Amino acid sequence: MRMIRGIVLSISALGLLVGSAAAQERMQLKIGTEGAYPPFNNLTADGKLEGFDIDIARALCEEMNADCEFVTQEWDGIIPALQAGRFDAIIASMSITDERREQVDFTEKYYNTPPAVVVPKDSDIESASVEALAGRSIGAQAATTHANFAEVTFVESDVRVYPTAEEYKLDMANGRLDAVVDDVIVLQEWLDTPDGECCKVLDTLSPVEEIHGEGIGIAVRKGEDELREKFNAAIEAIRENGTYKEINDKYFSFDAYGE
């Protein structure tokens, strides 16, 4: 009887050890995001993060058996903060571009939506062409592919860059800009609010891969190949098991993953 009890106790102890080891095997990751780019990532009034990026990040962490902590960071300092070790990955609607590849490594894309131009509802601008926007003021968020595109393309316009999307939206609503350029989903989300009642989508733009990149990816530090591949496998897994679609349908009426 004592022998049986001893065996049971040994098995129980072994189970505790195995459970403890399994718990220790969970990855501990810090995820950097901006928190000012709805509907992809945004801080609520009570300080909670929400949005498509955030839900995707949580799903990927669950798939990777990782405990993830979010860290908010202003956009223009987000890559330096990753390089400095403030967090392990950036999940913040960052476009995969050759310029950024010089500083970080990227996963495969996890979504890809087109840019667009928004103007006031009473605007006399008839198209998003270079000619139609010549001499007009155009707002965009600094250090983004959209700002780069505007500066390279609309060379006869007054392109003004802002630290956050919220700031160009404020100037647009107050009549201090003739147009703004950003991701069509970000712009439409704004237009669907009382603050965006001033304006309308003029047109969507064809992405230029050399500027807009190959879609939106997760950035990791140079050489972090193992972590990058774990994210890639998790992206593929949530696409296959239906989790991605569930999150996608919460925010969009189309597949944001793109072509």
C-alpha atoms as a PDB file:
ATOM      1  CA  MET A   1       0.000   0.000   0.000  1.00  0.00           C
ATOM      2  CA  ARG A   2       2.846   2.338   0.907  1.00  0.00           C
ATOM      3  CA  MET A   3       4.578   1.416  -2.341  1.00  0.00           C
ATOM      4  CA  ILE A   4       1.458   2.264  -4.371  1.00  0.00           C
ATOM      5  CA  ARG A   5       1.096   5.533  -2.493  1.00  0.00           C
ATOM      6  CA  GLY A   6       4.743   6.307  -3.170  1.00  0.00           C
ATOM      7  CA  ILE A   7       4.281   5.628  -6.862  1.00  0.00           C
ATOM      8  CA  VAL A   8       1.220   7.897  -6.960  1.00  0.00           C
ATOM      9  CA  LEU A   9       3.113  10.660  -5.177  1.00  0.00           C
ATOM     10  CA  SER A  10       6.053  10.267  -7.564  1.00  0.00           C
ATOM     11  CA  ILE A  11       3.753  10.488 -10.569  1.00  0.00           C
ATOM     12  CA  SER A  12       2.086  13.574  -9.101  1.00  0.00           C
ATOM     13  CA  ALA A  13       5.464  15.180  -8.473  1.00  0.00           C
ATOM     14  CA  LEU A  14       6.533  14.354 -12.008  1.00  0.00           C
ATOM     15  CA  GLY A  15       3.337  15.922 -13.338  1.00  0.00           C
ATOM     16  CA  LEU A  16       4.049  19.102 -11.408  1.00  0.00           C
ATOM     17  CA  LEU A  17       7.577  19.217 -12.794  1.00  0.00           C
ATOM     18  CA  VAL A  18       6.352  18.655 -16.343  1.00  0.00           C
ATOM     19  CA  GLY A  19       3.666  21.335 -15.906  1.00  0.00           C
ATOM     20  CA  SER A  20       6.217  23.741 -14.481  1.00  0.00           C
ATOM     21  CA  ALA A  21       8.603  23.070 -17.362  1.00  0.00           C
ATOM     22  CA  ALA A  22       5.809  23.589 -19.896  1.00  0.00           C
ATOM     23  CA  ALA A  23       4.929  26.910 -18.272  1.00  0.00           C
ATOM     24  CA  GLN A  24       8.582  27.953 -18.407  1.00  0.00           C
ATOM     25  CA  GLU A  25       8.717  27.061 -22.095  1.00  0.00           C
ATOM     26  CA  ARG A  26       6.204  29.785 -22.979  1.00  0.00           C
ATOM     27  CA  MET A  27       7.942  32.591 -24.810  1.00  0.00           C
ATOM     28  CA  GLN A  28       7.980  35.991 -23.160  1.00  0.00           C
ATOM     29  CA  LEU A  29       7.623  38.724 -25.779  1.00  0.00           C
ATOM     30  CA  LYS A  30       7.147  42.465 -25.794  1.00  0.00           C
ATOM     31  CA  ILE A  31       5.211  43.827 -28.766  1.00  0.00           C
ATOM     32  CA  GLY A  32       5.690  47.439 -29.845  1.00  0.00           C
ATOM     33  CA  THR A  33       2.750  49.348 -31.336  1.00  0.00           C
ATOM     34  CA  GLU A  34       1.727  52.971 -31.809  1.00  0.00           C
ATOM     35  CA  GLY A  35      -1.740  53.132 -30.273  1.00  0.00           C
ATOM     36  CA  ALA A  36      -2.822  56.066 -32.458  1.00  0.00           C
ATOM     37  CA  TYR A  37      -3.836  54.503 -35.792  1.00  0.00           C
ATOM     38  CA  PRO A  38      -7.452  53.308 -35.658  1.00  0.00           C
ATOM     39  CA  PRO A  39      -8.902  50.880 -36.603  1.00  0.00           C
ATOM     40  CA  PHE A  40      -5.564  49.034 -36.605  1.00  0.00           C
ATOM     41  CA  ASN A  41      -4.156  50.061 -33.228  1.00  0.00           C
ATOM     42  CA  ASN A  42      -5.607  52.587 -30.828  1.00  0.00           C
ATOM     43  CA  LEU A  43      -5.635  53.496 -27.144  1.00  0.00           C
ATOM     44  CA  THR A  44      -9.118  53.825 -25.655  1.00  0.00           C
ATOM     45  CA  ALA A  45     -10.026  56.568 -23.184  1.00  0.00           C
ATOM     46  CA  ASP A  46      -9.300  54.187 -20.306  1.00  0.00           C
ATOM     47  CA  GLY A  47      -5.858  53.298 -21.670  1.00  0.00           C
ATOM     48  CA  LYS A  48      -6.615  49.926 -23.269  1.00  0.00           C
ATOM     49  CA  LEU A  49      -5.227  48.912 -26.655  1.00  0.00           C
ATOM     50  CA  GLU A  50      -7.662  47.789 -29.337  1.00  0.00           C
ATOM     51  CA  GLY A  51      -7.752  47.273 -33.087  1.00  0.00           C
ATOM     52  CA  PHE A  52      -6.959  44.856 -35.890  1.00  0.00           C
ATOM     53  CA  ASP A  53      -3.195  44.872 -35.217  1.00  0.00           C
ATOM     54  CA  ILE A  54      -3.794  44.186 -31.538  1.00  0.00           C
ATOM     55  CA  ASP A  55      -6.200  41.290 -32.112  1.00  0.00           C
ATOM     56  CA  ILE A  56      -3.862  39.774 -34.716  1.00  0.00           C
ATOM     57  CA  ALA A  57      -0.921  40.115 -32.341  1.00  0.00           C
ATOM     58  CA  ARG A  58      -2.823  38.361 -29.554  1.00  0.00           C
ATOM     59  CA  ALA A  59      -3.841  35.541 -31.909  1.00  0.00           C
ATOM     60  CA  LEU A  60      -0.247  35.106 -33.093  1.00  0.00           C
ATOM     61  CA  CYS A  61       1.044  35.058 -29.523  1.00  0.00           C
ATOM     62  CA  GLU A  62      -1.488  32.374 -28.605  1.00  0.00           C
ATOM     63  CA  GLU A  63      -0.488  30.327 -31.654  1.00  0.00           C
ATOM     64  CA  MET A  64       3.199  30.696 -30.709  1.00  0.00           C
ATOM     65  CA  ASN A  65       2.553  29.704 -27.076  1.00  0.00           C
ATOM     66  CA  ALA A  66       3.862  33.110 -26.007  1.00  0.00           C
ATOM     67  CA  ASP A  67       2.978  35.521 -23.236  1.00  0.00           C
ATOM     68  CA  CYS A  68       2.948  38.942 -24.886  1.00  0.00           C
ATOM     69  CA  GLU A  69       3.075  42.393 -23.359  1.00  0.00           C
ATOM     70  CA  PHE A  70       2.256  45.466 -25.437  1.00  0.00           C
ATOM     71  CA  VAL A  71       4.420  48.578 -25.328  1.00  0.00           C
ATOM     72  CA  THR A  72       3.190  51.819 -26.921  1.00  0.00           C
ATOM     73  CA  GLN A  73       5.695  53.946 -28.776  1.00  0.00           C
ATOM     74  CA  GLU A  74       5.434  57.076 -30.932  1.00  0.00           C
ATOM     75  CA  TRP A  75       5.671  56.146 -34.591  1.00  0.00           C
ATOM     76  CA  ASP A  76       8.761  58.111 -35.575  1.00  0.00           C
ATOM     77  CA  GLY A  77      10.801  56.410 -32.849  1.00  0.00           C
ATOM     78  CA  ILE A  78       9.415  52.892 -33.151  1.00  0.00           C
ATOM     79  CA  ILE A  79      12.283  51.318 -35.145  1.00  0.00           C
ATOM     80  CA  PRO A  80      15.022  52.834 -32.912  1.00  0.00           C
ATOM     81  CA  ALA A  81      13.093  51.558 -29.869  1.00  0.00           C
ATOM     82  CA  LEU A  82      13.034  48.029 -31.352  1.00  0.00           C
ATOM     83  CA  GLN A  83      16.758  48.198 -32.076  1.00  0.00           C
ATOM     84  CA  ALA A  84      17.411  49.390 -28.517  1.00  0.00           C
ATOM     85  CA  GLY A  85      15.591  46.351 -27.095  1.00  0.00           C
ATOM     86  CA  ARG A  86      12.562  48.159 -25.704  1.00  0.00           C
ATOM     87  CA  PHE A  87      10.445  45.426 -27.318  1.00  0.00           C
ATOM     88  CA  ASP A  88      10.975  42.308 -29.437  1.00  0.00           C
ATOM     89  CA  ALA A  89       8.715  42.974 -32.436  1.00  0.00           C
ATOM     90  CA  ILE A  90       6.680  45.739 -34.037  1.00  0.00           C
ATOM     91  CA  ILE A  91       3.047  44.998 -34.884  1.00  0.00           C
ATOM     92  CA  ALA A  92       1.809  48.415 -35.891  1.00  0.00           C
ATOM     93  CA  SER A  93       0.721  48.442 -39.552  1.00  0.00           C
ATOM     94  CA  MET A  94       4.312  48.854 -40.771  1.00  0.00           C
ATOM     95  CA  SER A  95       4.774  48.526 -44.538  1.00  0.00           C
ATOM     96  CA  ILE A  96       7.491  46.183 -45.754  1.00  0.00           C
ATOM     97  CA  THR A  97       9.892  48.402 -47.732  1.00  0.00           C
ATOM     98  CA  ASP A  98      13.495  48.083 -48.913  1.00  0.00           C
ATOM     99  CA  GLU A  99      14.441  51.191 -46.937  1.00  0.00           C
ATOM    100  CA  ARG A 100      13.173  49.693 -43.682  1.00  0.00           C
ATOM    101  CA  ARG A 101      14.772  46.341 -44.502  1.00  0.00           C
ATOM    102  CA  GLU A 102      18.122  48.065 -44.036  1.00  0.00           C
ATOM    103  CA  GLN A 103      17.228  48.524 -40.358  1.00  0.00           C
ATOM    104  CA  VAL A 104      14.969  45.564 -39.466  1.00  0.00           C
ATOM    105  CA  ASP A 105      13.886  42.153 -40.725  1.00  0.00           C
ATOM    106  CA  PHE A 106      10.270  41.516 -41.712  1.00  0.00           C
ATOM    107  CA  THR A 107       7.893  38.585 -41.627  1.00  0.00           C
ATOM    108  CA  GLU A 108       5.611  37.859 -44.540  1.00  0.00           C
ATOM    109  CA  LYS A 109       2.692  40.294 -44.799  1.00  0.00           C
ATOM    110  CA  TYR A 110      -0.354  39.952 -42.575  1.00  0.00           C
ATOM    111  CA  TYR A 111      -2.491  42.457 -44.493  1.00  0.00           C
ATOM    112  CA  ASN A 112      -2.381  44.726 -47.541  1.00  0.00           C
ATOM    113  CA  THR A 113      -4.893  47.531 -48.213  1.00  0.00           C
ATOM    114  CA  PRO A 114      -4.595  50.444 -50.673  1.00  0.00           C
ATOM    115  CA  PRO A 115      -3.945  54.137 -49.996  1.00  0.00           C
ATOM    116  CA  ALA A 116      -6.537  56.813 -50.712  1.00  0.00           C
ATOM    117  CA  VAL A 117      -6.994  60.578 -50.900  1.00  0.00           C
ATOM    118  CA  VAL A 118      -9.652  62.362 -48.844  1.00  0.00           C
ATOM    119  CA  VAL A 119     -10.914  65.905 -49.498  1.00  0.00           C
ATOM    120  CA  PRO A 120     -13.620  68.141 -47.987  1.00  0.00           C
ATOM    121  CA  LYS A 121     -17.141  67.327 -49.169  1.00  0.00           C
ATOM    122  CA  ASP A 122     -17.441  70.736 -50.836  1.00  0.00           C
ATOM    123  CA  SER A 123     -14.019  70.507 -52.526  1.00  0.00           C
ATOM    124  CA  ASP A 124     -13.673  71.402 -56.201  1.00  0.00           C
ATOM    125  CA  ILE A 125     -10.826  68.882 -56.627  1.00  0.00           C
ATOM    126  CA  GLU A 126     -12.095  66.357 -59.149  1.00  0.00           C
ATOM    127  CA  SER A 127      -9.412  63.655 -59.107  1.00  0.00           C
ATOM    128  CA  ALA A 128      -6.349  62.431 -57.219  1.00  0.00           C
ATOM    129  CA  SER A 129      -4.053  63.243 -60.136  1.00  0.00           C
ATOM    130  CA  VAL A 130      -0.856  65.271 -59.855  1.00  0.00           C
ATOM    131  CA  GLU A 131      -2.427  67.986 -62.000  1.00  0.00           C
ATOM    132  CA  ALA A 132      -5.644  68.215 -59.975  1.00  0.00           C
ATOM    133  CA  LEU A 133      -3.717  68.500 -56.697  1.00  0.00           C
ATOM    134  CA  ALA A 134      -1.099  70.979 -57.962  1.00  0.00           C
ATOM    135  CA  GLY A 135      -0.881  74.009 -55.689  1.00  0.00           C
ATOM    136  CA  ARG A 136      -3.013  72.319 -53.011  1.00  0.00           C
ATOM    137  CA  SER A 137      -1.987  71.405 -49.462  1.00  0.00           C
ATOM    138  CA  ILE A 138      -1.838  67.666 -48.710  1.00  0.00           C
ATOM    139  CA  GLY A 139      -1.468  66.198 -45.231  1.00  0.00           C
ATOM    140  CA  ALA A 140       0.109  62.856 -44.289  1.00  0.00           C
ATOM    141  CA  GLN A 141       1.628  61.193 -41.240  1.00  0.00           C
ATOM    142  CA  ALA A 142       5.402  61.616 -41.050  1.00  0.00           C
ATOM    143  CA  ALA A 143       7.739  58.651 -41.558  1.00  0.00           C
ATOM    144  CA  THR A 144       5.095  56.631 -43.402  1.00  0.00           C
ATOM    145  CA  THR A 145       4.969  55.252 -46.921  1.00  0.00           C
ATOM    146  CA  HIS A 146       2.000  57.555 -47.544  1.00  0.00           C
ATOM    147  CA  ALA A 147       4.075  60.651 -46.729  1.00  0.00           C
ATOM    148  CA  ASN A 148       6.917  59.339 -48.893  1.00  0.00           C
ATOM    149  CA  PHE A 149       4.496  58.732 -51.756  1.00  0.00           C
ATOM    150  CA  ALA A 150       2.975  62.206 -51.445  1.00  0.00           C
ATOM    151  CA  GLU A 151       6.365  63.923 -51.394  1.00  0.00           C
ATOM    152  CA  VAL A 152       7.621  61.995 -54.422  1.00  0.00           C
ATOM    153  CA  THR A 153       4.394  62.106 -56.436  1.00  0.00           C
ATOM    154  CA  PHE A 154       2.672  65.400 -55.682  1.00  0.00           C
ATOM    155  CA  VAL A 155       5.729  67.547 -56.379  1.00  0.00           C
ATOM    156  CA  GLU A 156       3.650  70.588 -57.296  1.00  0.00           C
ATOM    157  CA  SER A 157       1.645  70.412 -54.059  1.00  0.00           C
ATOM    158  CA  ASP A 158       2.341  71.660 -50.536  1.00  0.00           C
ATOM    159  CA  VAL A 159       2.877  68.350 -48.723  1.00  0.00           C
ATOM    160  CA  ARG A 160       2.699  68.748 -44.944  1.00  0.00           C
ATOM    161  CA  VAL A 161       3.662  65.930 -42.573  1.00  0.00           C
ATOM    162  CA  TYR A 162       2.309  65.411 -39.066  1.00  0.00           C
ATOM    163  CA  PRO A 163       3.569  63.327 -36.101  1.00  0.00           C
ATOM    164  CA  THR A 164       0.263  61.405 -35.920  1.00  0.00           C
ATOM    165  CA  ALA A 165      -2.760  60.760 -38.111  1.00  0.00           C
ATOM    166  CA  GLU A 166      -4.973  62.455 -35.523  1.00  0.00           C
ATOM    167  CA  GLU A 167      -3.185  65.771 -36.094  1.00  0.00           C
ATOM    168  CA  TYR A 168      -3.653  65.863 -39.861  1.00  0.00           C
ATOM    169  CA  LYS A 169      -7.312  64.867 -39.360  1.00  0.00           C
ATOM    170  CA  LEU A 170      -7.774  67.855 -37.035  1.00  0.00           C
ATOM    171  CA  ASP A 171      -6.257  70.277 -39.550  1.00  0.00           C
ATOM    172  CA  MET A 172      -8.359  68.775 -42.330  1.00  0.00           C
ATOM    173  CA  ALA A 173     -11.574  69.091 -40.318  1.00  0.00           C
ATOM    174  CA  ASN A 174     -10.703  72.714 -39.488  1.00  0.00           C
ATOM    175  CA  GLY A 175     -10.139  73.652 -43.119  1.00  0.00           C
ATOM    176  CA  ARG A 176      -6.362  73.986 -42.973  1.00  0.00           C
ATOM    177  CA  LEU A 177      -5.718  71.300 -45.600  1.00  0.00           C
ATOM    178  CA  ASP A 178      -7.073  70.641 -49.072  1.00  0.00           C
ATOM    179  CA  ALA A 179      -6.498  66.881 -48.989  1.00  0.00           C
ATOM    180  CA  VAL A 180      -4.932  64.054 -46.991  1.00  0.00           C
ATOM    181  CA  VAL A 181      -3.456  60.709 -48.000  1.00  0.00           C
ATOM    182  CA  ASP A 182      -3.354  57.525 -45.905  1.00  0.00           C
ATOM    183  CA  ASP A 183      -4.568  53.933 -45.867  1.00  0.00           C
ATOM    184  CA  VAL A 184      -8.142  53.791 -47.157  1.00  0.00           C
ATOM    185  CA  ILE A 185      -9.312  51.859 -44.077  1.00  0.00           C
ATOM    186  CA  VAL A 186      -7.860  54.423 -41.672  1.00  0.00           C
ATOM    187  CA  LEU A 187      -9.477  57.236 -43.629  1.00  0.00           C
ATOM    188  CA  GLN A 188     -12.858  55.524 -43.919  1.00  0.00           C
ATOM    189  CA  GLU A 189     -12.868  54.761 -40.199  1.00  0.00           C
ATOM    190  CA  TRP A 190     -12.413  58.487 -39.562  1.00  0.00           C
ATOM    191  CA  LEU A 191     -15.081  59.508 -42.095  1.00  0.00           C
ATOM    192  CA  ASP A 192     -17.595  57.261 -40.335  1.00  0.00           C
ATOM    193  CA  THR A 193     -17.259  59.319 -37.131  1.00  0.00           C
ATOM    194  CA  PRO A 194     -18.745  62.769 -36.347  1.00  0.00           C
ATOM    195  CA  ASP A 195     -15.232  64.265 -36.602  1.00  0.00           C
ATOM    196  CA  GLY A 196     -14.960  63.009 -40.178  1.00  0.00           C
ATOM    197  CA  GLU A 197     -18.295  64.317 -41.428  1.00  0.00           C
ATOM    198  CA  CYS A 198     -16.420  67.153 -43.124  1.00  0.00           C
ATOM    199  CA  CYS A 199     -14.887  64.981 -45.757  1.00  0.00           C
ATOM    200  CA  LYS A 200     -15.135  62.223 -48.356  1.00  0.00           C
ATOM    201  CA  VAL A 201     -12.894  59.744 -50.163  1.00  0.00           C
ATOM    202  CA  LEU A 202     -11.873  61.307 -53.466  1.00  0.00           C
ATOM    203  CA  ASP A 203     -10.250  58.170 -54.839  1.00  0.00           C
ATOM    204  CA  THR A 204      -8.111  55.175 -53.945  1.00  0.00           C
ATOM    205  CA  LEU A 205      -4.567  55.025 -55.319  1.00  0.00           C
ATOM    206  CA  SER A 206      -2.664  52.198 -56.946  1.00  0.00           C
ATOM    207  CA  PRO A 207       0.143  51.224 -54.544  1.00  0.00           C
ATOM    208  CA  VAL A 208       3.680  51.713 -55.861  1.00  0.00           C
ATOM    209  CA  GLU A 209       5.659  48.718 -54.556  1.00  0.00           C
ATOM    210  CA  GLU A 210       8.949  50.627 -54.517  1.00  0.00           C
ATOM    211  CA  ILE A 211       7.338  53.107 -52.083  1.00  0.00           C
ATOM    212  CA  HIS A 212       4.409  51.355 -50.413  1.00  0.00           C
ATOM    213  CA  GLY A 213       6.207  48.023 -50.136  1.00  0.00           C
ATOM    214  CA  GLU A 214       4.864  44.487 -50.273  1.00  0.00           C
ATOM    215  CA  GLY A 215       2.149  44.787 -47.664  1.00  0.00           C
ATOM    216  CA  ILE A 216       2.130  45.123 -43.887  1.00  0.00           C
ATOM    217  CA  GLY A 217       4.516  42.923 -41.908  1.00  0.00           C
ATOM    218  CA  ILE A 218       5.912  42.360 -38.440  1.00  0.00           C
ATOM    219  CA  ALA A 219       9.348  43.871 -37.845  1.00  0.00           C
ATOM    220  CA  VAL A 220      12.012  42.176 -35.695  1.00  0.00           C
ATOM    221  CA  ARG A 221      15.641  43.032 -35.032  1.00  0.00           C
ATOM    222  CA  LYS A 222      18.186  42.135 -37.700  1.00  0.00           C
ATOM    223  CA  GLY A 223      19.279  38.521 -37.394  1.00  0.00           C
ATOM    224  CA  GLU A 224      16.307  37.403 -35.269  1.00  0.00           C
ATOM    225  CA  ASP A 225      15.543  34.678 -37.809  1.00  0.00           C
ATOM    226  CA  GLU A 226      14.063  32.177 -35.359  1.00  0.00           C
ATOM    227  CA  LEU A 227      11.527  34.679 -34.026  1.00  0.00           C
ATOM    228  CA  ARG A 228      10.692  35.874 -37.544  1.00  0.00           C
ATOM    229  CA  GLU A 229      10.010  32.321 -38.711  1.00  0.00           C
ATOM    230  CA  LYS A 230       7.845  31.612 -35.651  1.00  0.00           C
ATOM    231  CA  PHE A 231       5.731  34.635 -36.555  1.00  0.00           C
ATOM    232  CA  ASN A 232       5.554  33.465 -40.190  1.00  0.00           C
ATOM    233  CA  ALA A 233       4.359  30.016 -39.137  1.00  0.00           C
ATOM    234  CA  ALA A 234       1.777  31.586 -36.815  1.00  0.00           C
ATOM    235  CA  ILE A 235       0.477  33.903 -39.570  1.00  0.00           C
ATOM    236  CA  GLU A 236       0.027  30.896 -41.856  1.00  0.00           C
ATOM    237  CA  ALA A 237      -1.651  28.927 -39.076  1.00  0.00           C
ATOM    238  CA  ILE A 238      -4.260  31.565 -38.186  1.00  0.00           C
ATOM    239  CA  ARG A 239      -5.009  32.021 -41.893  1.00  0.00           C
ATOM    240  CA  GLU A 240      -5.679  28.295 -42.181  1.00  0.00           C
ATOM    241  CA  ASN A 241      -7.578  27.684 -38.942  1.00  0.00           C
ATOM    242  CA  GLY A 242     -10.102  30.504 -39.396  1.00  0.00           C
ATOM    243  CA  THR A 243      -8.827  32.803 -36.643  1.00  0.00           C
ATOM    244  CA  TYR A 244      -7.639  35.405 -39.135  1.00  0.00           C
ATOM    245  CA  LYS A 245     -11.043  35.496 -40.860  1.00  0.00           C
ATOM    246  CA  GLU A 246     -12.815  35.862 -37.531  1.00  0.00           C
ATOM    247  CA  ILE A 247     -10.666  38.884 -36.653  1.00  0.00           C
ATOM    248  CA  ASN A 248     -10.862  40.267 -40.190  1.00  0.00           C
ATOM    249  CA  ASP A 249     -14.669  40.106 -40.230  1.00  0.00           C
ATOM    250  CA  LYS A 250     -14.816  41.974 -36.928  1.00  0.00           C
ATOM    251  CA  TYR A 251     -13.334  45.028 -38.648  1.00  0.00           C
ATOM    252  CA  PHE A 252     -13.809  44.715 -42.421  1.00  0.00           C
ATOM    253  CA  SER A 253     -16.330  43.539 -44.996  1.00  0.00           C
ATOM    254  CA  PHE A 254     -13.544  42.210 -47.268  1.00  0.00           C
ATOM    255  CA  ASP A 255     -10.349  40.180 -46.907  1.00  0.00           C
ATOM    256  CA  ALA A 256      -7.692  42.659 -45.728  1.00  0.00           C
ATOM    257  CA  TYR A 257      -4.953  40.137 -46.524  1.00  0.00           C
ATOM    258  CA  GLY A 258      -5.138  41.229 -50.160  1.00  0.00           C
ATOM    259  CA  GLU A 259      -3.696  39.615 -53.246  1.00  0.00           C
END
